[in-house]
């Protein structure tokens, strides 16, 4: 049996100062082709070095209010994923409590 492969691509258009002007992403399994976005945060784990590697990108026209919501949603999803990965409900809830505090302080409560 051959392993199935899935491809995710991120393409970035830069200005003369190498600042992202446009970001596009594609995910063939999801049927997404060159969809424009204002921000992308990607983390991967380097098992040999025991460290995470990140690519954090946002366009210069990403609205600040949307960036705050984006961060809140990332933090919330990290807490949920942490729970799924570790089954540590107590710490996951602590993380979610912080997410509530974060949203409250940034005045982005739902």
C-alpha atoms as a PDB file:
ATOM      1  CA  UNK A   1       0.000   0.000   0.000  1.00  0.00           C
ATOM      2  CA  UNK A   2       1.346   3.375  -1.015  1.00  0.00           C
ATOM      3  CA  UNK A   3       1.261   6.228   1.502  1.00  0.00           C
ATOM      4  CA  UNK A   4      -1.057   9.054   0.546  1.00  0.00           C
ATOM      5  CA  UNK A   5       0.509  12.494   0.452  1.00  0.00           C
ATOM      6  CA  UNK A   6      -1.118  15.820   1.142  1.00  0.00           C
ATOM      7  CA  UNK A   7       0.421  19.125   0.162  1.00  0.00           C
ATOM      8  CA  UNK A   8       0.031  22.477   1.905  1.00  0.00           C
ATOM      9  CA  UNK A   9       1.699  25.491   0.319  1.00  0.00           C
ATOM     10  CA  UNK A  10       2.153  29.102   1.391  1.00  0.00           C
ATOM     11  CA  UNK A  11       3.155  31.741  -1.130  1.00  0.00           C
ATOM     12  CA  UNK A  12       4.189  35.240  -0.051  1.00  0.00           C
ATOM     13  CA  UNK A  13       4.471  38.387  -2.167  1.00  0.00           C
ATOM     14  CA  UNK A  14       7.023  40.756  -0.619  1.00  0.00           C
ATOM     15  CA  UNK A  15       7.665  44.460  -1.065  1.00  0.00           C
ATOM     16  CA  UNK A  16      11.166  45.852  -1.675  1.00  0.00           C
ATOM     17  CA  UNK A  17      11.879  45.652   2.097  1.00  0.00           C
ATOM     18  CA  UNK A  18      10.822  41.987   2.232  1.00  0.00           C
ATOM     19  CA  UNK A  19       7.610  42.844   4.109  1.00  0.00           C
ATOM     20  CA  UNK A  20       4.660  40.615   3.148  1.00  0.00           C
ATOM     21  CA  UNK A  21       2.130  42.398   0.960  1.00  0.00           C
ATOM     22  CA  UNK A  22       0.026  39.363   0.068  1.00  0.00           C
ATOM     23  CA  UNK A  23      -0.124  35.824   1.385  1.00  0.00           C
ATOM     24  CA  UNK A  24      -1.778  32.926  -0.449  1.00  0.00           C
ATOM     25  CA  UNK A  25      -2.215  29.349   0.661  1.00  0.00           C
ATOM     26  CA  UNK A  26      -3.274  26.106  -0.946  1.00  0.00           C
ATOM     27  CA  UNK A  27      -4.264  22.754   0.540  1.00  0.00           C
ATOM     28  CA  UNK A  28      -5.011  20.146  -2.089  1.00  0.00           C
ATOM     29  CA  UNK A  29      -6.934  17.783   0.217  1.00  0.00           C
ATOM     30  CA  UNK A  30      -9.282  20.596   1.263  1.00  0.00           C
ATOM     31  CA  UNK A  31      -9.786  21.882  -2.277  1.00  0.00           C
ATOM     32  CA  UNK A  32      -8.193  25.242  -1.437  1.00  0.00           C
ATOM     33  CA  UNK A  33      -6.211  26.824  -4.257  1.00  0.00           C
ATOM     34  CA  UNK A  34      -4.340  30.129  -3.842  1.00  0.00           C
ATOM     35  CA  UNK A  35      -6.694  31.477  -1.197  1.00  0.00           C
ATOM     36  CA  UNK A  36      -5.625  34.911   0.018  1.00  0.00           C
ATOM     37  CA  UNK A  37      -5.106  35.479   3.733  1.00  0.00           C
ATOM     38  CA  UNK A  38      -3.787  38.322   5.880  1.00  0.00           C
ATOM     39  CA  UNK A  39      -1.810  36.166   8.341  1.00  0.00           C
ATOM     40  CA  UNK A  40      -0.320  32.697   8.772  1.00  0.00           C
ATOM     41  CA  UNK A  41       1.425  31.178  11.766  1.00  0.00           C
ATOM     42  CA  UNK A  42       3.056  27.796  11.252  1.00  0.00           C
ATOM     43  CA  UNK A  43       4.945  25.776  13.855  1.00  0.00           C
ATOM     44  CA  UNK A  44       6.864  22.566  13.308  1.00  0.00           C
ATOM     45  CA  UNK A  45       8.724  20.364  15.783  1.00  0.00           C
ATOM     46  CA  UNK A  46      12.426  19.601  15.311  1.00  0.00           C
ATOM     47  CA  UNK A  47      12.704  16.310  17.170  1.00  0.00           C
ATOM     48  CA  UNK A  48      16.492  16.170  16.899  1.00  0.00           C
ATOM     49  CA  UNK A  49      16.959  19.579  18.556  1.00  0.00           C
ATOM     50  CA  UNK A  50      13.848  19.301  20.775  1.00  0.00           C
ATOM     51  CA  UNK A  51      12.618  22.723  19.727  1.00  0.00           C
ATOM     52  CA  UNK A  52       9.822  24.294  17.769  1.00  0.00           C
ATOM     53  CA  UNK A  53      10.449  26.247  14.607  1.00  0.00           C
ATOM     54  CA  UNK A  54       8.053  28.971  13.523  1.00  0.00           C
ATOM     55  CA  UNK A  55       7.021  30.995  10.551  1.00  0.00           C
ATOM     56  CA  UNK A  56       4.902  33.978  11.597  1.00  0.00           C
ATOM     57  CA  UNK A  57       3.687  36.100   8.707  1.00  0.00           C
ATOM     58  CA  UNK A  58       1.167  38.882   8.348  1.00  0.00           C
ATOM     59  CA  UNK A  59       0.569  41.457   5.672  1.00  0.00           C
ATOM     60  CA  UNK A  60       1.185  45.112   6.335  1.00  0.00           C
ATOM     61  CA  UNK A  61      -2.534  45.783   5.886  1.00  0.00           C
ATOM     62  CA  UNK A  62      -3.648  43.210   8.488  1.00  0.00           C
ATOM     63  CA  UNK A  63      -6.068  45.173  10.712  1.00  0.00           C
ATOM     64  CA  UNK A  64      -4.997  45.363  14.366  1.00  0.00           C
ATOM     65  CA  UNK A  65      -8.452  44.380  15.646  1.00  0.00           C
ATOM     66  CA  UNK A  66      -8.383  41.264  13.437  1.00  0.00           C
ATOM     67  CA  UNK A  67      -4.850  40.416  14.646  1.00  0.00           C
ATOM     68  CA  UNK A  68      -6.098  40.454  18.248  1.00  0.00           C
ATOM     69  CA  UNK A  69      -8.976  38.111  17.350  1.00  0.00           C
ATOM     70  CA  UNK A  70      -6.581  35.895  15.372  1.00  0.00           C
ATOM     71  CA  UNK A  71      -4.259  35.564  18.387  1.00  0.00           C
ATOM     72  CA  UNK A  72      -7.185  34.792  20.684  1.00  0.00           C
ATOM     73  CA  UNK A  73      -8.430  32.068  18.351  1.00  0.00           C
ATOM     74  CA  UNK A  74      -4.920  30.588  18.038  1.00  0.00           C
ATOM     75  CA  UNK A  75      -4.470  30.516  21.821  1.00  0.00           C
ATOM     76  CA  UNK A  76      -7.885  28.911  22.298  1.00  0.00           C
ATOM     77  CA  UNK A  77      -7.208  26.286  19.657  1.00  0.00           C
ATOM     78  CA  UNK A  78      -3.812  25.556  21.237  1.00  0.00           C
ATOM     79  CA  UNK A  79      -5.525  24.870  24.571  1.00  0.00           C
ATOM     80  CA  UNK A  80      -8.005  22.527  22.882  1.00  0.00           C
ATOM     81  CA  UNK A  81      -5.258  20.754  20.939  1.00  0.00           C
ATOM     82  CA  UNK A  82      -3.131  20.486  24.084  1.00  0.00           C
ATOM     83  CA  UNK A  83      -6.013  18.684  25.782  1.00  0.00           C
ATOM     84  CA  UNK A  84      -6.473  16.290  22.848  1.00  0.00           C
ATOM     85  CA  UNK A  85      -2.731  15.571  22.717  1.00  0.00           C
ATOM     86  CA  UNK A  86      -2.084  15.171  26.462  1.00  0.00           C
ATOM     87  CA  UNK A  87      -5.475  14.563  28.106  1.00  0.00           C
ATOM     88  CA  UNK A  88      -4.353  17.098  30.719  1.00  0.00           C
ATOM     89  CA  UNK A  89      -7.742  18.690  31.341  1.00  0.00           C
ATOM     90  CA  UNK A  90      -6.620  20.768  34.313  1.00  0.00           C
ATOM     91  CA  UNK A  91      -3.864  22.548  32.385  1.00  0.00           C
ATOM     92  CA  UNK A  92      -6.065  22.865  29.305  1.00  0.00           C
ATOM     93  CA  UNK A  93      -8.714  24.601  31.397  1.00  0.00           C
ATOM     94  CA  UNK A  94      -6.050  26.876  32.891  1.00  0.00           C
ATOM     95  CA  UNK A  95      -5.016  27.808  29.365  1.00  0.00           C
ATOM     96  CA  UNK A  96      -8.649  28.470  28.407  1.00  0.00           C
ATOM     97  CA  UNK A  97      -9.056  30.630  31.516  1.00  0.00           C
ATOM     98  CA  UNK A  98      -6.104  32.692  30.308  1.00  0.00           C
ATOM     99  CA  UNK A  99      -7.755  32.949  26.866  1.00  0.00           C
ATOM    100  CA  UNK A 100     -10.852  34.402  28.548  1.00  0.00           C
ATOM    101  CA  UNK A 101      -8.657  36.886  30.430  1.00  0.00           C
ATOM    102  CA  UNK A 102      -6.814  37.748  27.193  1.00  0.00           C
ATOM    103  CA  UNK A 103     -10.099  38.415  25.373  1.00  0.00           C
ATOM    104  CA  UNK A 104     -11.442  40.474  28.245  1.00  0.00           C
ATOM    105  CA  UNK A 105      -8.329  42.670  28.468  1.00  0.00           C
ATOM    106  CA  UNK A 106      -8.302  43.209  24.692  1.00  0.00           C
ATOM    107  CA  UNK A 107     -12.047  43.848  24.754  1.00  0.00           C
ATOM    108  CA  UNK A 108     -12.746  41.174  22.152  1.00  0.00           C
ATOM    109  CA  UNK A 109     -15.174  39.122  24.251  1.00  0.00           C
ATOM    110  CA  UNK A 110     -17.759  37.307  22.140  1.00  0.00           C
END
